[in-house]
Amino acid sequence: MIDRGFYNRNIVISTLIISSVFLSGCPGSGDRGWCDETTKAVHKGNDVCFPIKNAEGYIPTYLSVNLRYTPRTEQKNRIVRDVEISNGMLCFSPDEFSPAEGKEYIVKFILKNGGGVDSIRSFVVAVKVVNGNVGSFQLHNIEMARSYQ
């Protein structure tokens, strides 16, 4: 005779194990997140610039300048064709980006070099003007993390 308690307990344990695998997924590339790179913001003449390490051969392809905490649906983004990296600096003229005193901005840009996923670099920079000086501030981890690549 089969012990019903033993049988029921094994069914419950087996169901829990199987359902936890289906609900949590298996570890793999889809479960990994990526962080964007960051840099600092500096003034160079009237321009706001971002130093880029190892910038040789990279060109900007995307730009987003928004006040911090702007909802994603209201963010302004554009494809970039008129901005270049010169001497390791990506600079924006006052017409392109003129931050107001005391406001916090999130600047996102993508650099591309050749082809393939490995040739794309994504940056997120926090920018704030204090007493007329352009500077950066600490981003939250969620502001730099991407769940895709």
C-alpha atoms as a PDB file:
ATOM      1  CA  MET A   1       0.000   0.000   0.000  1.00  0.00           C
ATOM      2  CA  ILE A   2       1.282   3.484  -0.926  1.00  0.00           C
ATOM      3  CA  ASP A   3       1.504   6.027   1.861  1.00  0.00           C
ATOM      4  CA  ARG A   4      -0.683   8.956   0.710  1.00  0.00           C
ATOM      5  CA  GLY A   5       1.249  11.495   2.854  1.00  0.00           C
ATOM      6  CA  PHE A   6       4.539  10.529   1.192  1.00  0.00           C
ATOM      7  CA  TYR A   7       2.908  10.631  -2.263  1.00  0.00           C
ATOM      8  CA  ASN A   8       1.272  14.062  -1.691  1.00  0.00           C
ATOM      9  CA  ARG A   9       4.466  15.551  -0.212  1.00  0.00           C
ATOM     10  CA  ASN A  10       6.527  14.423  -3.241  1.00  0.00           C
ATOM     11  CA  ILE A  11       3.970  15.898  -5.649  1.00  0.00           C
ATOM     12  CA  VAL A  12       4.044  19.238  -3.814  1.00  0.00           C
ATOM     13  CA  ILE A  13       7.857  19.349  -3.726  1.00  0.00           C
ATOM     14  CA  SER A  14       8.138  18.350  -7.402  1.00  0.00           C
ATOM     15  CA  THR A  15       5.570  20.986  -8.395  1.00  0.00           C
ATOM     16  CA  LEU A  16       7.439  23.681  -6.451  1.00  0.00           C
ATOM     17  CA  ILE A  17      10.779  22.805  -8.051  1.00  0.00           C
ATOM     18  CA  ILE A  18       9.405  22.657 -11.591  1.00  0.00           C
ATOM     19  CA  SER A  19       7.358  25.861 -11.238  1.00  0.00           C
ATOM     20  CA  SER A  20      10.327  27.763  -9.757  1.00  0.00           C
ATOM     21  CA  VAL A  21      12.430  26.882 -12.822  1.00  0.00           C
ATOM     22  CA  PHE A  22       9.678  28.046 -15.190  1.00  0.00           C
ATOM     23  CA  LEU A  23       8.961  31.242 -13.248  1.00  0.00           C
ATOM     24  CA  SER A  24      12.568  32.315 -12.703  1.00  0.00           C
ATOM     25  CA  GLY A  25      14.086  31.218 -16.010  1.00  0.00           C
ATOM     26  CA  CYS A  26      17.471  29.751 -16.591  1.00  0.00           C
ATOM     27  CA  PRO A  27      20.618  31.819 -16.170  1.00  0.00           C
ATOM     28  CA  GLY A  28      22.014  33.066 -19.445  1.00  0.00           C
ATOM     29  CA  SER A  29      22.698  36.139 -21.526  1.00  0.00           C
ATOM     30  CA  GLY A  30      19.094  37.294 -21.286  1.00  0.00           C
ATOM     31  CA  ASP A  31      19.397  37.558 -17.501  1.00  0.00           C
ATOM     32  CA  ARG A  32      22.354  39.932 -17.571  1.00  0.00           C
ATOM     33  CA  GLY A  33      22.210  43.711 -17.463  1.00  0.00           C
ATOM     34  CA  TRP A  34      24.718  46.249 -18.728  1.00  0.00           C
ATOM     35  CA  CYS A  35      25.729  49.609 -17.377  1.00  0.00           C
ATOM     36  CA  ASP A  36      26.329  52.575 -19.609  1.00  0.00           C
ATOM     37  CA  GLU A  37      29.633  54.363 -19.406  1.00  0.00           C
ATOM     38  CA  THR A  38      29.818  57.753 -17.770  1.00  0.00           C
ATOM     39  CA  THR A  39      32.197  60.687 -17.836  1.00  0.00           C
ATOM     40  CA  LYS A  40      32.274  64.201 -16.425  1.00  0.00           C
ATOM     41  CA  ALA A  41      30.984  67.445 -17.870  1.00  0.00           C
ATOM     42  CA  VAL A  42      33.384  70.377 -18.286  1.00  0.00           C
ATOM     43  CA  HIS A  43      33.301  73.882 -19.759  1.00  0.00           C
ATOM     44  CA  LYS A  44      35.573  74.542 -22.719  1.00  0.00           C
ATOM     45  CA  GLY A  45      35.015  78.151 -23.754  1.00  0.00           C
ATOM     46  CA  ASN A  46      31.249  78.485 -24.180  1.00  0.00           C
ATOM     47  CA  ASP A  47      30.825  74.784 -24.987  1.00  0.00           C
ATOM     48  CA  VAL A  48      29.845  71.973 -22.625  1.00  0.00           C
ATOM     49  CA  CYS A  49      32.236  69.073 -23.245  1.00  0.00           C
ATOM     50  CA  PHE A  50      32.564  65.454 -22.233  1.00  0.00           C
ATOM     51  CA  PRO A  51      36.009  63.813 -22.191  1.00  0.00           C
ATOM     52  CA  ILE A  52      35.901  60.389 -23.876  1.00  0.00           C
ATOM     53  CA  LYS A  53      38.675  57.857 -23.232  1.00  0.00           C
ATOM     54  CA  ASN A  54      39.779  55.790 -26.227  1.00  0.00           C
ATOM     55  CA  ALA A  55      37.620  57.873 -28.580  1.00  0.00           C
ATOM     56  CA  GLU A  56      39.663  57.210 -31.735  1.00  0.00           C
ATOM     57  CA  GLY A  57      37.394  56.254 -34.622  1.00  0.00           C
ATOM     58  CA  TYR A  58      34.129  56.772 -32.739  1.00  0.00           C
ATOM     59  CA  ILE A  59      31.416  59.110 -33.994  1.00  0.00           C
ATOM     60  CA  PRO A  60      28.296  60.281 -32.125  1.00  0.00           C
ATOM     61  CA  THR A  61      25.081  58.850 -33.535  1.00  0.00           C
ATOM     62  CA  TYR A  62      22.409  59.618 -30.900  1.00  0.00           C
ATOM     63  CA  LEU A  63      21.850  62.402 -28.369  1.00  0.00           C
ATOM     64  CA  SER A  64      19.341  62.937 -25.580  1.00  0.00           C
ATOM     65  CA  VAL A  65      19.438  66.000 -23.294  1.00  0.00           C
ATOM     66  CA  ASN A  66      16.652  66.191 -20.717  1.00  0.00           C
ATOM     67  CA  LEU A  67      16.001  67.450 -17.244  1.00  0.00           C
ATOM     68  CA  ARG A  68      16.486  64.744 -14.647  1.00  0.00           C
ATOM     69  CA  TYR A  69      13.335  62.737 -13.880  1.00  0.00           C
ATOM     70  CA  THR A  70      11.726  63.595 -17.230  1.00  0.00           C
ATOM     71  CA  PRO A  71       9.376  60.691 -18.025  1.00  0.00           C
ATOM     72  CA  ARG A  72      10.646  58.483 -20.847  1.00  0.00           C
ATOM     73  CA  THR A  73       7.647  59.353 -23.002  1.00  0.00           C
ATOM     74  CA  GLU A  74       8.467  63.074 -22.793  1.00  0.00           C
ATOM     75  CA  GLN A  75      12.232  62.850 -23.393  1.00  0.00           C
ATOM     76  CA  LYS A  76      13.676  64.585 -26.439  1.00  0.00           C
ATOM     77  CA  ASN A  77      16.058  62.425 -28.479  1.00  0.00           C
ATOM     78  CA  ARG A  78      17.671  62.934 -31.840  1.00  0.00           C
ATOM     79  CA  ILE A  79      19.990  61.361 -34.354  1.00  0.00           C
ATOM     80  CA  VAL A  80      23.305  63.246 -34.418  1.00  0.00           C
ATOM     81  CA  ARG A  81      25.073  64.138 -37.652  1.00  0.00           C
ATOM     82  CA  ASP A  82      26.622  67.509 -36.887  1.00  0.00           C
ATOM     83  CA  VAL A  83      28.709  66.789 -33.767  1.00  0.00           C
ATOM     84  CA  GLU A  84      32.243  65.365 -33.724  1.00  0.00           C
ATOM     85  CA  ILE A  85      34.752  64.153 -31.173  1.00  0.00           C
ATOM     86  CA  SER A  86      37.869  66.295 -31.295  1.00  0.00           C
ATOM     87  CA  ASN A  87      40.994  65.632 -29.185  1.00  0.00           C
ATOM     88  CA  GLY A  88      39.070  63.146 -27.054  1.00  0.00           C
ATOM     89  CA  MET A  89      36.304  65.656 -26.254  1.00  0.00           C
ATOM     90  CA  LEU A  90      32.672  65.555 -27.348  1.00  0.00           C
ATOM     91  CA  CYS A  91      31.561  69.200 -27.201  1.00  0.00           C
ATOM     92  CA  PHE A  92      28.166  70.827 -27.610  1.00  0.00           C
ATOM     93  CA  SER A  93      27.731  74.490 -28.480  1.00  0.00           C
ATOM     94  CA  PRO A  94      25.346  76.678 -26.445  1.00  0.00           C
ATOM     95  CA  ASP A  95      22.808  76.249 -29.260  1.00  0.00           C
ATOM     96  CA  GLU A  96      22.913  72.478 -28.733  1.00  0.00           C
ATOM     97  CA  PHE A  97      23.057  72.388 -24.908  1.00  0.00           C
ATOM     98  CA  SER A  98      22.926  75.364 -22.569  1.00  0.00           C
ATOM     99  CA  PRO A  99      22.206  74.110 -19.044  1.00  0.00           C
ATOM    100  CA  ALA A 100      20.417  76.489 -16.656  1.00  0.00           C
ATOM    101  CA  GLU A 101      21.836  77.321 -13.238  1.00  0.00           C
ATOM    102  CA  GLY A 102      20.851  74.830 -10.531  1.00  0.00           C
ATOM    103  CA  LYS A 103      18.933  72.420 -12.784  1.00  0.00           C
ATOM    104  CA  GLU A 104      19.951  68.771 -13.108  1.00  0.00           C
ATOM    105  CA  TYR A 105      20.230  67.263 -16.586  1.00  0.00           C
ATOM    106  CA  ILE A 106      20.769  63.763 -17.879  1.00  0.00           C
ATOM    107  CA  VAL A 107      22.747  63.690 -21.124  1.00  0.00           C
ATOM    108  CA  LYS A 108      22.786  60.414 -23.042  1.00  0.00           C
ATOM    109  CA  PHE A 109      24.757  59.787 -26.187  1.00  0.00           C
ATOM    110  CA  ILE A 110      25.811  56.812 -28.252  1.00  0.00           C
ATOM    111  CA  LEU A 111      29.123  56.497 -30.052  1.00  0.00           C
ATOM    112  CA  LYS A 112      29.649  54.051 -32.886  1.00  0.00           C
ATOM    113  CA  ASN A 113      32.827  52.711 -34.470  1.00  0.00           C
ATOM    114  CA  GLY A 114      32.461  50.444 -37.485  1.00  0.00           C
ATOM    115  CA  GLY A 115      30.008  47.587 -37.163  1.00  0.00           C
ATOM    116  CA  GLY A 116      28.764  45.104 -34.654  1.00  0.00           C
ATOM    117  CA  VAL A 117      27.424  45.386 -31.124  1.00  0.00           C
ATOM    118  CA  ASP A 118      30.916  45.641 -29.596  1.00  0.00           C
ATOM    119  CA  SER A 119      31.579  48.814 -31.567  1.00  0.00           C
ATOM    120  CA  ILE A 120      28.792  50.750 -29.807  1.00  0.00           C
ATOM    121  CA  ARG A 121      29.426  52.703 -26.616  1.00  0.00           C
ATOM    122  CA  SER A 122      26.557  54.233 -24.668  1.00  0.00           C
ATOM    123  CA  PHE A 123      27.120  57.083 -22.189  1.00  0.00           C
ATOM    124  CA  VAL A 124      24.957  58.655 -19.501  1.00  0.00           C
ATOM    125  CA  VAL A 125      26.224  61.839 -17.855  1.00  0.00           C
ATOM    126  CA  ALA A 126      24.666  63.882 -15.061  1.00  0.00           C
ATOM    127  CA  VAL A 127      25.165  67.629 -15.598  1.00  0.00           C
ATOM    128  CA  LYS A 128      24.510  70.527 -13.256  1.00  0.00           C
ATOM    129  CA  VAL A 129      25.588  74.189 -13.223  1.00  0.00           C
ATOM    130  CA  VAL A 130      26.497  75.572  -9.801  1.00  0.00           C
ATOM    131  CA  ASN A 131      27.693  79.188  -9.468  1.00  0.00           C
ATOM    132  CA  GLY A 132      28.304  79.333 -13.211  1.00  0.00           C
ATOM    133  CA  ASN A 133      30.498  76.205 -13.238  1.00  0.00           C
ATOM    134  CA  VAL A 134      29.479  73.141 -15.204  1.00  0.00           C
ATOM    135  CA  GLY A 135      29.942  69.906 -13.323  1.00  0.00           C
ATOM    136  CA  SER A 136      28.642  66.409 -12.837  1.00  0.00           C
ATOM    137  CA  PHE A 137      26.852  64.702  -9.992  1.00  0.00           C
ATOM    138  CA  GLN A 138      26.355  61.088  -8.935  1.00  0.00           C
ATOM    139  CA  LEU A 139      23.819  59.067 -10.905  1.00  0.00           C
ATOM    140  CA  HIS A 140      21.608  56.409  -9.372  1.00  0.00           C
ATOM    141  CA  ASN A 141      22.425  52.868 -10.533  1.00  0.00           C
ATOM    142  CA  ILE A 142      19.050  52.599 -12.263  1.00  0.00           C
ATOM    143  CA  GLU A 143      19.882  55.672 -14.368  1.00  0.00           C
ATOM    144  CA  MET A 144      22.920  53.882 -15.826  1.00  0.00           C
ATOM    145  CA  ALA A 145      21.614  50.318 -16.128  1.00  0.00           C
ATOM    146  CA  ARG A 146      20.204  48.688 -19.237  1.00  0.00           C
ATOM    147  CA  SER A 147      18.583  45.300 -19.278  1.00  0.00           C
ATOM    148  CA  TYR A 148      19.395  44.868 -22.965  1.00  0.00           C
ATOM    149  CA  GLN A 149      22.250  45.372 -25.367  1.00  0.00           C
END
